[in-house]
Amino acid sequence: MARQLGHVKYGGTIGEIRHFKIKGMKGNFAGLKGGATGDQIKNDPGFVRTRENMNEFGGCANAGRSVRVGLNMLMKQMSDSQLTGRLTAIMKKINLEDQTEARGYRAILISTQGKYLQGLHFNKNVSFDSSFLPLVSLTNSGDAVSSTMEIAPFNPMNSVIAPAGATHFRLINALSVISDFAYNATTGIYEAIEPSLNELSNVAYSDYLDLRTEITAPTLIESALPGAPQLTGSTTVLNSVGIEFYQQAGSGYYLLNAGHALKIQNVVLPVS
């Protein structure tokens, strides 16, 4: 793959060379046309492995999308441009752990491999740990449907790393459910084993906290999944912690464009 260095910018194809951009990367790129046809990939015996990989990759993309959809209200300000790819890669690692199904149809058993999601920062460029220094304690209920976030008294002036222009911040305790995924031979795609529970979520916030004022009492944020659902062994609860920054203007608080952070702090299974 070639990278264009000159000042002339163009896209599309010239002769046997195609030109394109890559999401998340600067500049323009070029490569030769060619490769197998769609019909070859679908039917040629020589592309069996390719079809198997494509099948599982599609399932991993679906599972990763469910993580993002479950926290959709936070994704615009909390994620980087490569989060989709990073989540798909994590799901592929989980997919490879399944030893019960044939290659190309291996399940995505998040409930047994939650370690791969533990500690994930949704924006790789802004980590929660470097933005908020006080110790965060999370206590999850045995059925995994609720959580209590607790922070001891702290002084934001020396323990919160805020972007320029911020006057206030809010802390976040978010719960979201992700189901295991398995290949459905009838539909020909990977689907959530527990579709009614998959992507169920709740996001709870602290009050608006002044960056210039010491917080002298413990901060408690309770979060619970709506409807008191009965979770199963094929579901996993992602308990994420985050911080958002605001600028006060009069009586209003306005979300800034940068500096926010979200992290999967606990990966929780319901106790059977």
C-alpha atoms as a PDB file:
ATOM      1  CA  MET A   1       0.000   0.000   0.000  1.00  0.00           C
ATOM      2  CA  ALA A   2       1.370   3.394  -1.009  1.00  0.00           C
ATOM      3  CA  ARG A   3       0.838   6.718   0.744  1.00  0.00           C
ATOM      4  CA  GLN A   4       0.367   9.889  -1.307  1.00  0.00           C
ATOM      5  CA  LEU A   5       2.868  12.609  -0.340  1.00  0.00           C
ATOM      6  CA  GLY A   6       2.226  15.264  -2.979  1.00  0.00           C
ATOM      7  CA  HIS A   7      -0.251  18.122  -3.051  1.00  0.00           C
ATOM      8  CA  VAL A   8      -2.635  16.688  -5.664  1.00  0.00           C
ATOM      9  CA  LYS A   9      -5.572  15.012  -3.917  1.00  0.00           C
ATOM     10  CA  TYR A  10      -7.825  12.623  -5.797  1.00  0.00           C
ATOM     11  CA  GLY A  11      -9.903   9.515  -5.174  1.00  0.00           C
ATOM     12  CA  GLY A  12     -11.293   6.621  -7.184  1.00  0.00           C
ATOM     13  CA  THR A  13      -9.330   4.568  -9.690  1.00  0.00           C
ATOM     14  CA  ILE A  14      -6.760   5.526 -12.328  1.00  0.00           C
ATOM     15  CA  GLY A  15      -5.802   2.587 -14.534  1.00  0.00           C
ATOM     16  CA  GLU A  16      -4.916  -0.327 -12.274  1.00  0.00           C
ATOM     17  CA  ILE A  17      -4.365   1.859  -9.218  1.00  0.00           C
ATOM     18  CA  ARG A  18      -7.154   2.733  -6.806  1.00  0.00           C
ATOM     19  CA  HIS A  19      -6.938   5.598  -4.327  1.00  0.00           C
ATOM     20  CA  PHE A  20      -8.674   5.742  -0.963  1.00  0.00           C
ATOM     21  CA  LYS A  21      -8.642   7.072   2.598  1.00  0.00           C
ATOM     22  CA  ILE A  22      -8.510   5.049   5.823  1.00  0.00           C
ATOM     23  CA  LYS A  23     -10.682   6.057   8.763  1.00  0.00           C
ATOM     24  CA  GLY A  24      -8.621   7.310  11.671  1.00  0.00           C
ATOM     25  CA  MET A  25      -5.475   7.895   9.581  1.00  0.00           C
ATOM     26  CA  LYS A  26      -4.286  11.042   7.859  1.00  0.00           C
ATOM     27  CA  GLY A  27      -3.444  11.280   4.182  1.00  0.00           C
ATOM     28  CA  ASN A  28      -4.406   9.409   1.025  1.00  0.00           C
ATOM     29  CA  PHE A  29      -3.462   5.837   0.110  1.00  0.00           C
ATOM     30  CA  ALA A  30      -3.096   3.825  -3.085  1.00  0.00           C
ATOM     31  CA  GLY A  31      -3.103   0.135  -4.009  1.00  0.00           C
ATOM     32  CA  LEU A  32      -3.487  -2.101  -7.062  1.00  0.00           C
ATOM     33  CA  LYS A  33      -6.915  -3.237  -8.184  1.00  0.00           C
ATOM     34  CA  GLY A  34      -7.591  -6.920  -8.304  1.00  0.00           C
ATOM     35  CA  GLY A  35      -8.277  -9.815  -5.973  1.00  0.00           C
ATOM     36  CA  ALA A  36     -10.888 -12.548  -6.032  1.00  0.00           C
ATOM     37  CA  THR A  37     -14.391 -11.925  -7.353  1.00  0.00           C
ATOM     38  CA  GLY A  38     -17.421 -12.082  -5.076  1.00  0.00           C
ATOM     39  CA  ASP A  39     -18.552 -15.293  -6.734  1.00  0.00           C
ATOM     40  CA  GLN A  40     -15.179 -16.942  -6.119  1.00  0.00           C
ATOM     41  CA  ILE A  41     -15.245 -16.019  -2.444  1.00  0.00           C
ATOM     42  CA  LYS A  42     -18.786 -17.389  -2.026  1.00  0.00           C
ATOM     43  CA  ASN A  43     -18.395 -20.656  -3.933  1.00  0.00           C
ATOM     44  CA  ASP A  44     -14.790 -21.605  -4.739  1.00  0.00           C
ATOM     45  CA  PRO A  45     -13.495 -24.500  -2.532  1.00  0.00           C
ATOM     46  CA  GLY A  46     -10.213 -22.649  -2.297  1.00  0.00           C
ATOM     47  CA  PHE A  47     -11.880 -19.914  -0.286  1.00  0.00           C
ATOM     48  CA  VAL A  48     -13.362 -22.083   2.465  1.00  0.00           C
ATOM     49  CA  ARG A  49     -11.115 -20.519   5.097  1.00  0.00           C
ATOM     50  CA  THR A  50     -11.964 -17.049   3.821  1.00  0.00           C
ATOM     51  CA  ARG A  51     -15.677 -17.764   4.164  1.00  0.00           C
ATOM     52  CA  GLU A  52     -15.182 -19.130   7.671  1.00  0.00           C
ATOM     53  CA  ASN A  53     -13.225 -16.040   8.689  1.00  0.00           C
ATOM     54  CA  MET A  54     -15.794 -13.694   7.140  1.00  0.00           C
ATOM     55  CA  ASN A  55     -18.624 -15.475   8.925  1.00  0.00           C
ATOM     56  CA  GLU A  56     -17.002 -15.197  12.340  1.00  0.00           C
ATOM     57  CA  PHE A  57     -15.815 -11.652  11.695  1.00  0.00           C
ATOM     58  CA  GLY A  58     -19.410 -10.605  10.990  1.00  0.00           C
ATOM     59  CA  GLY A  59     -20.511 -12.142  14.286  1.00  0.00           C
ATOM     60  CA  CYS A  60     -17.744 -10.373  16.187  1.00  0.00           C
ATOM     61  CA  ALA A  61     -18.747  -7.071  14.593  1.00  0.00           C
ATOM     62  CA  ASN A  62     -22.358  -7.654  15.717  1.00  0.00           C
ATOM     63  CA  ALA A  63     -21.273  -8.378  19.281  1.00  0.00           C
ATOM     64  CA  GLY A  64     -19.033  -5.309  19.385  1.00  0.00           C
ATOM     65  CA  ARG A  65     -21.865  -3.173  18.053  1.00  0.00           C
ATOM     66  CA  SER A  66     -24.076  -4.340  20.940  1.00  0.00           C
ATOM     67  CA  VAL A  67     -21.533  -3.013  23.441  1.00  0.00           C
ATOM     68  CA  ARG A  68     -21.700   0.393  21.753  1.00  0.00           C
ATOM     69  CA  VAL A  69     -25.497   0.388  21.399  1.00  0.00           C
ATOM     70  CA  GLY A  70     -25.916  -0.471  25.081  1.00  0.00           C
ATOM     71  CA  LEU A  71     -24.068   2.751  25.946  1.00  0.00           C
ATOM     72  CA  ASN A  72     -25.240   4.692  22.913  1.00  0.00           C
ATOM     73  CA  MET A  73     -26.076   7.866  24.838  1.00  0.00           C
ATOM     74  CA  LEU A  74     -22.416   8.150  25.872  1.00  0.00           C
ATOM     75  CA  MET A  75     -20.634   7.057  22.709  1.00  0.00           C
ATOM     76  CA  LYS A  76     -20.567  10.405  20.884  1.00  0.00           C
ATOM     77  CA  GLN A  77     -18.490  12.118  23.560  1.00  0.00           C
ATOM     78  CA  MET A  78     -16.682   9.089  24.986  1.00  0.00           C
ATOM     79  CA  SER A  79     -15.353   7.077  22.029  1.00  0.00           C
ATOM     80  CA  ASP A  80     -12.479   7.439  19.578  1.00  0.00           C
ATOM     81  CA  SER A  81     -12.708   6.848  15.824  1.00  0.00           C
ATOM     82  CA  GLN A  82     -11.229   3.347  16.089  1.00  0.00           C
ATOM     83  CA  LEU A  83     -13.450   1.984  18.880  1.00  0.00           C
ATOM     84  CA  THR A  84     -15.521  -0.119  16.466  1.00  0.00           C
ATOM     85  CA  GLY A  85     -12.412  -1.908  15.207  1.00  0.00           C
ATOM     86  CA  ARG A  86     -11.003  -2.365  18.699  1.00  0.00           C
ATOM     87  CA  LEU A  87     -14.241  -3.913  19.969  1.00  0.00           C
ATOM     88  CA  THR A  88     -14.434  -6.251  16.966  1.00  0.00           C
ATOM     89  CA  ALA A  89     -10.850  -7.356  17.664  1.00  0.00           C
ATOM     90  CA  ILE A  90     -11.711  -8.054  21.316  1.00  0.00           C
ATOM     91  CA  MET A  91     -14.739 -10.093  20.288  1.00  0.00           C
ATOM     92  CA  LYS A  92     -12.562 -12.066  17.877  1.00  0.00           C
ATOM     93  CA  LYS A  93     -10.251 -12.997  20.755  1.00  0.00           C
ATOM     94  CA  ILE A  94     -13.303 -14.208  22.683  1.00  0.00           C
ATOM     95  CA  ASN A  95     -14.555 -16.054  19.592  1.00  0.00           C
ATOM     96  CA  LEU A  96     -11.264 -17.950  19.263  1.00  0.00           C
ATOM     97  CA  GLU A  97     -11.627 -19.290  22.810  1.00  0.00           C
ATOM     98  CA  ASP A  98     -14.654 -21.423  21.891  1.00  0.00           C
ATOM     99  CA  GLN A  99     -13.571 -25.039  21.428  1.00  0.00           C
ATOM    100  CA  THR A 100     -17.027 -26.588  21.035  1.00  0.00           C
ATOM    101  CA  GLU A 101     -18.132 -25.413  17.588  1.00  0.00           C
ATOM    102  CA  ALA A 102     -16.536 -25.930  14.179  1.00  0.00           C
ATOM    103  CA  ARG A 103     -14.314 -23.248  12.678  1.00  0.00           C
ATOM    104  CA  GLY A 104     -16.471 -20.589  11.045  1.00  0.00           C
ATOM    105  CA  TYR A 105     -19.293 -21.152  13.539  1.00  0.00           C
ATOM    106  CA  ARG A 106     -17.556 -20.697  16.891  1.00  0.00           C
ATOM    107  CA  ALA A 107     -19.663 -18.908  19.504  1.00  0.00           C
ATOM    108  CA  ILE A 108     -18.770 -15.570  21.115  1.00  0.00           C
ATOM    109  CA  LEU A 109     -19.015 -16.491  24.792  1.00  0.00           C
ATOM    110  CA  ILE A 110     -18.473 -13.189  26.567  1.00  0.00           C
ATOM    111  CA  SER A 111     -19.824 -14.725  29.785  1.00  0.00           C
ATOM    112  CA  THR A 112     -16.753 -16.972  30.025  1.00  0.00           C
ATOM    113  CA  GLN A 113     -14.156 -14.561  28.623  1.00  0.00           C
ATOM    114  CA  GLY A 114     -15.047 -11.208  30.180  1.00  0.00           C
ATOM    115  CA  LYS A 115     -11.370 -10.626  30.974  1.00  0.00           C
ATOM    116  CA  TYR A 116     -10.885  -9.313  27.440  1.00  0.00           C
ATOM    117  CA  LEU A 117     -13.310  -6.425  28.086  1.00  0.00           C
ATOM    118  CA  GLN A 118     -12.162  -5.661  31.624  1.00  0.00           C
ATOM    119  CA  GLY A 119     -10.443  -2.271  31.805  1.00  0.00           C
ATOM    120  CA  LEU A 120     -11.387  -1.159  28.274  1.00  0.00           C
ATOM    121  CA  HIS A 121     -11.136   2.617  27.774  1.00  0.00           C
ATOM    122  CA  PHE A 122     -13.667   3.732  25.161  1.00  0.00           C
ATOM    123  CA  ASN A 123     -11.358   6.546  24.075  1.00  0.00           C
ATOM    124  CA  LYS A 124      -7.792   5.274  23.855  1.00  0.00           C
ATOM    125  CA  ASN A 125      -6.532   8.868  23.848  1.00  0.00           C
ATOM    126  CA  VAL A 126      -8.235   9.917  27.108  1.00  0.00           C
ATOM    127  CA  SER A 127      -8.268   7.403  29.952  1.00  0.00           C
ATOM    128  CA  PHE A 128     -10.533   7.640  32.977  1.00  0.00           C
ATOM    129  CA  ASP A 129      -7.643   6.706  35.269  1.00  0.00           C
ATOM    130  CA  SER A 130      -5.579   9.689  34.149  1.00  0.00           C
ATOM    131  CA  SER A 131      -8.541  12.105  34.271  1.00  0.00           C
ATOM    132  CA  PHE A 132      -9.905  11.151  37.687  1.00  0.00           C
ATOM    133  CA  LEU A 133      -7.319  10.221  40.314  1.00  0.00           C
ATOM    134  CA  PRO A 134      -9.372   9.336  43.450  1.00  0.00           C
ATOM    135  CA  LEU A 135     -10.065   5.670  44.161  1.00  0.00           C
ATOM    136  CA  VAL A 136     -13.424   4.494  42.796  1.00  0.00           C
ATOM    137  CA  SER A 137     -15.233   1.670  44.584  1.00  0.00           C
ATOM    138  CA  LEU A 138     -17.958  -0.322  42.809  1.00  0.00           C
ATOM    139  CA  THR A 139     -20.259  -2.717  44.634  1.00  0.00           C
ATOM    140  CA  ASN A 140     -22.418  -4.927  42.417  1.00  0.00           C
ATOM    141  CA  SER A 141     -25.518  -6.778  43.587  1.00  0.00           C
ATOM    142  CA  GLY A 142     -25.508 -10.563  43.471  1.00  0.00           C
ATOM    143  CA  ASP A 143     -28.005 -10.633  40.619  1.00  0.00           C
ATOM    144  CA  ALA A 144     -25.824  -8.066  38.773  1.00  0.00           C
ATOM    145  CA  VAL A 145     -28.755  -5.741  38.037  1.00  0.00           C
ATOM    146  CA  SER A 146     -27.612  -2.862  40.262  1.00  0.00           C
ATOM    147  CA  SER A 147     -24.421  -1.153  41.307  1.00  0.00           C
ATOM    148  CA  THR A 148     -23.201   1.413  43.839  1.00  0.00           C
ATOM    149  CA  MET A 149     -20.303   3.691  42.959  1.00  0.00           C
ATOM    150  CA  GLU A 150     -18.563   5.311  45.932  1.00  0.00           C
ATOM    151  CA  ILE A 151     -15.755   7.861  46.120  1.00  0.00           C
ATOM    152  CA  ALA A 152     -14.310   9.143  49.387  1.00  0.00           C
ATOM    153  CA  PRO A 153     -14.078  12.935  49.938  1.00  0.00           C
ATOM    154  CA  PHE A 154     -11.583  14.569  47.574  1.00  0.00           C
ATOM    155  CA  ASN A 155     -10.411  17.933  46.273  1.00  0.00           C
ATOM    156  CA  PRO A 156     -11.028  18.272  42.510  1.00  0.00           C
ATOM    157  CA  MET A 157      -8.339  20.950  42.201  1.00  0.00           C
ATOM    158  CA  ASN A 158      -5.586  18.382  42.715  1.00  0.00           C
ATOM    159  CA  SER A 159      -7.285  15.135  41.702  1.00  0.00           C
ATOM    160  CA  VAL A 160      -9.294  15.896  38.536  1.00  0.00           C
ATOM    161  CA  ILE A 161      -7.470  16.609  35.270  1.00  0.00           C
ATOM    162  CA  ALA A 162      -9.922  18.839  33.420  1.00  0.00           C
ATOM    163  CA  PRO A 163      -9.776  20.279  29.896  1.00  0.00           C
ATOM    164  CA  ALA A 164      -9.426  24.027  29.351  1.00  0.00           C
ATOM    165  CA  GLY A 165     -12.657  25.913  29.902  1.00  0.00           C
ATOM    166  CA  ALA A 166     -14.240  23.378  32.262  1.00  0.00           C
ATOM    167  CA  THR A 167     -15.867  24.669  35.442  1.00  0.00           C
ATOM    168  CA  HIS A 168     -17.808  21.548  36.517  1.00  0.00           C
ATOM    169  CA  PHE A 169     -17.881  17.795  36.015  1.00  0.00           C
ATOM    170  CA  ARG A 170     -20.191  14.845  36.529  1.00  0.00           C
ATOM    171  CA  LEU A 171     -19.247  11.280  37.422  1.00  0.00           C
ATOM    172  CA  ILE A 172     -20.980   8.350  35.732  1.00  0.00           C
ATOM    173  CA  ASN A 173     -21.993   4.873  36.859  1.00  0.00           C
ATOM    174  CA  ALA A 174     -23.243   2.921  33.827  1.00  0.00           C
ATOM    175  CA  LEU A 175     -24.616  -0.618  33.568  1.00  0.00           C
ATOM    176  CA  SER A 176     -25.116  -2.381  30.234  1.00  0.00           C
ATOM    177  CA  VAL A 177     -25.940  -5.985  29.348  1.00  0.00           C
ATOM    178  CA  ILE A 178     -24.146  -7.899  26.612  1.00  0.00           C
ATOM    179  CA  SER A 179     -25.409 -11.323  25.577  1.00  0.00           C
ATOM    180  CA  ASP A 180     -23.333 -14.196  24.298  1.00  0.00           C
ATOM    181  CA  PHE A 181     -23.648 -14.642  20.524  1.00  0.00           C
ATOM    182  CA  ALA A 182     -24.032 -17.863  18.522  1.00  0.00           C
ATOM    183  CA  TYR A 183     -24.425 -18.735  14.850  1.00  0.00           C
ATOM    184  CA  ASN A 184     -28.021 -19.282  13.740  1.00  0.00           C
ATOM    185  CA  ALA A 185     -28.059 -21.822  10.887  1.00  0.00           C
ATOM    186  CA  THR A 186     -31.580 -20.771   9.869  1.00  0.00           C
ATOM    187  CA  THR A 187     -30.826 -17.072   9.387  1.00  0.00           C
ATOM    188  CA  GLY A 188     -27.181 -17.608   8.454  1.00  0.00           C
ATOM    189  CA  ILE A 189     -25.895 -14.948  10.854  1.00  0.00           C
ATOM    190  CA  TYR A 190     -24.664 -14.612  14.430  1.00  0.00           C
ATOM    191  CA  GLU A 191     -27.385 -13.542  16.861  1.00  0.00           C
ATOM    192  CA  ALA A 192     -27.637 -12.714  20.559  1.00  0.00           C
ATOM    193  CA  ILE A 193     -28.562 -15.779  22.616  1.00  0.00           C
ATOM    194  CA  GLU A 194     -30.604 -13.500  24.900  1.00  0.00           C
ATOM    195  CA  PRO A 195     -32.005 -10.838  22.529  1.00  0.00           C
ATOM    196  CA  SER A 196     -34.491  -9.434  25.066  1.00  0.00           C
ATOM    197  CA  LEU A 197     -31.684  -8.718  27.538  1.00  0.00           C
ATOM    198  CA  ASN A 198     -28.950  -7.743  25.099  1.00  0.00           C
ATOM    199  CA  GLU A 199     -28.128  -3.977  25.115  1.00  0.00           C
ATOM    200  CA  LEU A 200     -30.315  -3.293  28.177  1.00  0.00           C
ATOM    201  CA  SER A 201     -28.714  -0.399  30.087  1.00  0.00           C
ATOM    202  CA  ASN A 202     -28.903   2.422  32.591  1.00  0.00           C
ATOM    203  CA  VAL A 203     -26.638   5.442  33.026  1.00  0.00           C
ATOM    204  CA  ALA A 204     -26.615   7.272  36.383  1.00  0.00           C
ATOM    205  CA  TYR A 205     -24.909  10.602  37.062  1.00  0.00           C
ATOM    206  CA  SER A 206     -23.631  12.521  40.036  1.00  0.00           C
ATOM    207  CA  ASP A 207     -24.686  16.122  40.581  1.00  0.00           C
ATOM    208  CA  TYR A 208     -22.761  18.841  38.738  1.00  0.00           C
ATOM    209  CA  LEU A 209     -19.586  19.157  40.820  1.00  0.00           C
ATOM    210  CA  ASP A 210     -17.543  22.361  40.943  1.00  0.00           C
ATOM    211  CA  LEU A 211     -13.901  21.876  39.990  1.00  0.00           C
ATOM    212  CA  ARG A 212     -12.895  24.612  42.455  1.00  0.00           C
ATOM    213  CA  THR A 213     -14.775  23.288  45.484  1.00  0.00           C
ATOM    214  CA  GLU A 214     -13.544  20.565  47.819  1.00  0.00           C
ATOM    215  CA  ILE A 215     -15.974  17.663  48.210  1.00  0.00           C
ATOM    216  CA  THR A 216     -16.184  16.892  51.919  1.00  0.00           C
ATOM    217  CA  ALA A 217     -18.682  14.010  51.900  1.00  0.00           C
ATOM    218  CA  PRO A 218     -18.537  10.642  50.106  1.00  0.00           C
ATOM    219  CA  THR A 219     -19.995  10.650  46.595  1.00  0.00           C
ATOM    220  CA  LEU A 220     -22.517   7.840  45.993  1.00  0.00           C
ATOM    221  CA  ILE A 221     -24.046   7.019  42.607  1.00  0.00           C
ATOM    222  CA  GLU A 222     -26.641   4.244  42.398  1.00  0.00           C
ATOM    223  CA  SER A 223     -27.409   2.604  39.060  1.00  0.00           C
ATOM    224  CA  ALA A 224     -29.915  -0.173  38.285  1.00  0.00           C
ATOM    225  CA  LEU A 225     -31.075  -1.866  35.103  1.00  0.00           C
ATOM    226  CA  PRO A 226     -34.692  -0.994  34.239  1.00  0.00           C
ATOM    227  CA  GLY A 227     -37.456  -3.466  34.958  1.00  0.00           C
ATOM    228  CA  ALA A 228     -35.492  -5.637  37.440  1.00  0.00           C
ATOM    229  CA  PRO A 229     -34.625  -8.178  34.699  1.00  0.00           C
ATOM    230  CA  GLN A 230     -33.795 -11.814  35.370  1.00  0.00           C
ATOM    231  CA  LEU A 231     -30.326 -12.214  33.896  1.00  0.00           C
ATOM    232  CA  THR A 232     -29.067 -15.605  32.729  1.00  0.00           C
ATOM    233  CA  GLY A 233     -25.752 -17.383  32.443  1.00  0.00           C
ATOM    234  CA  SER A 234     -25.536 -16.260  28.809  1.00  0.00           C
ATOM    235  CA  THR A 235     -25.444 -12.578  29.791  1.00  0.00           C
ATOM    236  CA  THR A 236     -22.734 -10.338  31.182  1.00  0.00           C
ATOM    237  CA  VAL A 237     -23.103  -6.919  32.797  1.00  0.00           C
ATOM    238  CA  LEU A 238     -20.521  -4.294  31.933  1.00  0.00           C
ATOM    239  CA  ASN A 239     -20.200  -1.800  34.795  1.00  0.00           C
ATOM    240  CA  SER A 240     -18.499   1.313  33.432  1.00  0.00           C
ATOM    241  CA  VAL A 241     -17.300   4.444  35.213  1.00  0.00           C
ATOM    242  CA  GLY A 242     -16.841   7.790  33.532  1.00  0.00           C
ATOM    243  CA  ILE A 243     -16.443  11.536  33.816  1.00  0.00           C
ATOM    244  CA  GLU A 244     -17.923  14.373  31.761  1.00  0.00           C
ATOM    245  CA  PHE A 245     -16.817  18.015  31.800  1.00  0.00           C
ATOM    246  CA  TYR A 246     -19.019  21.092  31.567  1.00  0.00           C
ATOM    247  CA  GLN A 247     -18.777  24.853  31.444  1.00  0.00           C
ATOM    248  CA  GLN A 248     -21.262  26.831  33.493  1.00  0.00           C
ATOM    249  CA  ALA A 249     -22.895  29.848  31.859  1.00  0.00           C
ATOM    250  CA  GLY A 250     -25.513  31.523  34.005  1.00  0.00           C
ATOM    251  CA  SER A 251     -27.727  28.801  35.395  1.00  0.00           C
ATOM    252  CA  GLY A 252     -26.908  26.338  32.599  1.00  0.00           C
ATOM    253  CA  TYR A 253     -24.206  23.711  32.196  1.00  0.00           C
ATOM    254  CA  TYR A 254     -22.843  23.020  28.732  1.00  0.00           C
ATOM    255  CA  LEU A 255     -21.042  19.820  27.779  1.00  0.00           C
ATOM    256  CA  LEU A 256     -17.546  20.462  26.437  1.00  0.00           C
ATOM    257  CA  ASN A 257     -16.274  18.885  23.221  1.00  0.00           C
ATOM    258  CA  ALA A 258     -13.269  17.123  24.751  1.00  0.00           C
ATOM    259  CA  GLY A 259     -11.796  15.580  27.879  1.00  0.00           C
ATOM    260  CA  HIS A 260     -14.529  13.037  28.684  1.00  0.00           C
ATOM    261  CA  ALA A 261     -13.560   9.479  29.615  1.00  0.00           C
ATOM    262  CA  LEU A 262     -15.308   6.122  30.102  1.00  0.00           C
ATOM    263  CA  LYS A 263     -13.885   2.789  31.247  1.00  0.00           C
ATOM    264  CA  ILE A 264     -15.290  -0.718  31.831  1.00  0.00           C
ATOM    265  CA  GLN A 265     -14.412  -1.077  35.498  1.00  0.00           C
ATOM    266  CA  ASN A 266     -16.192  -4.346  36.343  1.00  0.00           C
ATOM    267  CA  VAL A 267     -17.354  -7.278  34.218  1.00  0.00           C
ATOM    268  CA  VAL A 268     -20.106  -8.895  36.259  1.00  0.00           C
ATOM    269  CA  LEU A 269     -21.914 -12.247  36.003  1.00  0.00           C
ATOM    270  CA  PRO A 270     -25.184 -12.913  37.836  1.00  0.00           C
ATOM    271  CA  VAL A 271     -24.796 -15.317  40.747  1.00  0.00           C
ATOM    272  CA  SER A 272     -26.855 -18.439  40.023  1.00  0.00           C
END
